[in-house]
Amino acid sequence: MKYSFYTLVVFFLFSTTLYSKEIATIAKEYNLYGGQKATIQWKRIFSSPRHLKRYQLDKLSPATRKKLETYLIEHAADSDQPIVPGL
């Protein structure tokens, strides 16, 4: 039981690290950086089919788009942890 708990914790930490690197790579491919926009702007982009097409995000799967949206919102210019320092 003790080992399964530790295994689960290690798996969780490892998977979140991979998740963030994978999504960060996808964001770079599309030239999207969290600090470019405020949270509400990112929400507007991901809720509009027109904006999704403009940024070519309509080609991504819905699951990947949701992960990317979450990543960009977490690192938006007005978030607690913006990518751009000093904001």
C-alpha atoms as a PDB file:
ATOM      1  CA  MET A   1       0.000   0.000   0.000  1.00  0.00           C
ATOM      2  CA  LYS A   2       2.808   2.371   0.936  1.00  0.00           C
ATOM      3  CA  TYR A   3       4.665   1.724  -2.318  1.00  0.00           C
ATOM      4  CA  SER A   4       1.580   2.197  -4.447  1.00  0.00           C
ATOM      5  CA  PHE A   5       1.015   5.620  -2.865  1.00  0.00           C
ATOM      6  CA  TYR A   6       4.578   6.701  -3.626  1.00  0.00           C
ATOM      7  CA  THR A   7       4.297   5.326  -7.133  1.00  0.00           C
ATOM      8  CA  LEU A   8       1.118   7.311  -7.651  1.00  0.00           C
ATOM      9  CA  VAL A   9       2.742  10.511  -6.352  1.00  0.00           C
ATOM     10  CA  VAL A  10       5.789  10.088  -8.599  1.00  0.00           C
ATOM     11  CA  PHE A  11       3.557   9.331 -11.575  1.00  0.00           C
ATOM     12  CA  PHE A  12       1.470  12.442 -10.907  1.00  0.00           C
ATOM     13  CA  LEU A  13       4.518  14.705 -10.638  1.00  0.00           C
ATOM     14  CA  PHE A  14       6.070  13.208 -13.761  1.00  0.00           C
ATOM     15  CA  SER A  15       2.868  13.454 -15.793  1.00  0.00           C
ATOM     16  CA  THR A  16       2.251  17.111 -14.877  1.00  0.00           C
ATOM     17  CA  THR A  17       5.802  17.951 -15.929  1.00  0.00           C
ATOM     18  CA  LEU A  18       5.299  16.220 -19.260  1.00  0.00           C
ATOM     19  CA  TYR A  19       1.906  17.858 -19.679  1.00  0.00           C
ATOM     20  CA  SER A  20       3.276  21.354 -19.199  1.00  0.00           C
ATOM     21  CA  LYS A  21       6.234  20.792 -21.530  1.00  0.00           C
ATOM     22  CA  GLU A  22       4.016  19.295 -24.217  1.00  0.00           C
ATOM     23  CA  ILE A  23       1.517  22.158 -24.090  1.00  0.00           C
ATOM     24  CA  ALA A  24       4.288  24.770 -23.942  1.00  0.00           C
ATOM     25  CA  THR A  25       5.758  23.254 -27.099  1.00  0.00           C
ATOM     26  CA  ILE A  26       2.396  23.386 -28.848  1.00  0.00           C
ATOM     27  CA  ALA A  27       1.958  27.012 -27.783  1.00  0.00           C
ATOM     28  CA  LYS A  28       5.378  27.882 -29.248  1.00  0.00           C
ATOM     29  CA  GLU A  29       4.513  26.140 -32.525  1.00  0.00           C
ATOM     30  CA  TYR A  30       1.514  28.439 -32.894  1.00  0.00           C
ATOM     31  CA  ASN A  31       3.469  31.502 -31.670  1.00  0.00           C
ATOM     32  CA  LEU A  32       1.213  31.886 -28.641  1.00  0.00           C
ATOM     33  CA  TYR A  33       2.562  33.086 -25.322  1.00  0.00           C
ATOM     34  CA  GLY A  34       0.440  33.533 -22.232  1.00  0.00           C
ATOM     35  CA  GLY A  35       1.696  37.028 -21.525  1.00  0.00           C
ATOM     36  CA  GLN A  36       0.518  38.304 -24.907  1.00  0.00           C
ATOM     37  CA  LYS A  37      -3.053  38.681 -23.675  1.00  0.00           C
ATOM     38  CA  ALA A  38      -5.139  39.011 -20.541  1.00  0.00           C
ATOM     39  CA  THR A  39      -7.268  36.144 -19.252  1.00  0.00           C
ATOM     40  CA  ILE A  40     -10.497  37.438 -20.754  1.00  0.00           C
ATOM     41  CA  GLN A  41      -8.852  37.822 -24.163  1.00  0.00           C
ATOM     42  CA  TRP A  42      -7.705  34.200 -24.146  1.00  0.00           C
ATOM     43  CA  LYS A  43     -11.212  33.070 -23.170  1.00  0.00           C
ATOM     44  CA  ARG A  44     -12.652  35.094 -26.038  1.00  0.00           C
ATOM     45  CA  ILE A  45     -10.231  33.546 -28.541  1.00  0.00           C
ATOM     46  CA  PHE A  46     -11.003  29.991 -27.498  1.00  0.00           C
ATOM     47  CA  SER A  47     -14.767  30.559 -27.472  1.00  0.00           C
ATOM     48  CA  SER A  48     -14.954  31.998 -30.993  1.00  0.00           C
ATOM     49  CA  PRO A  49     -14.754  29.742 -34.073  1.00  0.00           C
ATOM     50  CA  ARG A  50     -13.588  32.749 -36.090  1.00  0.00           C
ATOM     51  CA  HIS A  51     -10.646  33.383 -33.756  1.00  0.00           C
ATOM     52  CA  LEU A  52      -9.798  29.678 -33.600  1.00  0.00           C
ATOM     53  CA  LYS A  53      -9.564  29.659 -37.379  1.00  0.00           C
ATOM     54  CA  ARG A  54      -7.513  32.879 -37.432  1.00  0.00           C
ATOM     55  CA  TYR A  55      -4.891  31.384 -35.099  1.00  0.00           C
ATOM     56  CA  GLN A  56      -5.210  27.975 -36.832  1.00  0.00           C
ATOM     57  CA  LEU A  57      -6.246  26.362 -33.559  1.00  0.00           C
ATOM     58  CA  ASP A  58      -9.257  24.752 -35.198  1.00  0.00           C
ATOM     59  CA  LYS A  59      -6.869  22.050 -36.459  1.00  0.00           C
ATOM     60  CA  LEU A  60      -6.172  20.865 -32.894  1.00  0.00           C
ATOM     61  CA  SER A  61      -8.296  18.300 -31.137  1.00  0.00           C
ATOM     62  CA  PRO A  62     -10.824  19.664 -28.623  1.00  0.00           C
ATOM     63  CA  ALA A  63      -8.877  18.105 -25.730  1.00  0.00           C
ATOM     64  CA  THR A  64      -5.613  19.709 -26.846  1.00  0.00           C
ATOM     65  CA  ARG A  65      -7.344  23.057 -27.356  1.00  0.00           C
ATOM     66  CA  LYS A  66      -8.731  22.899 -23.809  1.00  0.00           C
ATOM     67  CA  LYS A  67      -5.275  22.108 -22.374  1.00  0.00           C
ATOM     68  CA  LEU A  68      -3.732  24.917 -24.404  1.00  0.00           C
ATOM     69  CA  GLU A  69      -6.417  27.349 -23.271  1.00  0.00           C
ATOM     70  CA  THR A  70      -5.820  26.401 -19.629  1.00  0.00           C
ATOM     71  CA  TYR A  71      -2.056  26.811 -20.052  1.00  0.00           C
ATOM     72  CA  LEU A  72      -2.362  30.230 -21.700  1.00  0.00           C
ATOM     73  CA  ILE A  73      -4.867  31.482 -19.128  1.00  0.00           C
ATOM     74  CA  GLU A  74      -2.649  30.319 -16.256  1.00  0.00           C
ATOM     75  CA  HIS A  75       0.220  32.326 -17.759  1.00  0.00           C
ATOM     76  CA  ALA A  76      -1.796  35.304 -19.015  1.00  0.00           C
ATOM     77  CA  ALA A  77      -0.536  38.830 -18.487  1.00  0.00           C
ATOM     78  CA  ASP A  78      -2.966  39.413 -15.618  1.00  0.00           C
ATOM     79  CA  SER A  79      -2.522  36.022 -13.924  1.00  0.00           C
ATOM     80  CA  ASP A  80      -0.700  35.226 -10.693  1.00  0.00           C
ATOM     81  CA  GLN A  81       2.171  33.646 -12.624  1.00  0.00           C
ATOM     82  CA  PRO A  82       2.606  35.511 -15.926  1.00  0.00           C
ATOM     83  CA  ILE A  83       5.291  34.400 -18.329  1.00  0.00           C
ATOM     84  CA  VAL A  84       6.276  38.017 -18.930  1.00  0.00           C
ATOM     85  CA  PRO A  85       8.102  39.252 -15.818  1.00  0.00           C
ATOM     86  CA  GLY A  86       7.119  42.523 -14.263  1.00  0.00           C
ATOM     87  CA  LEU A  87       3.432  42.443 -15.126  1.00  0.00           C
END
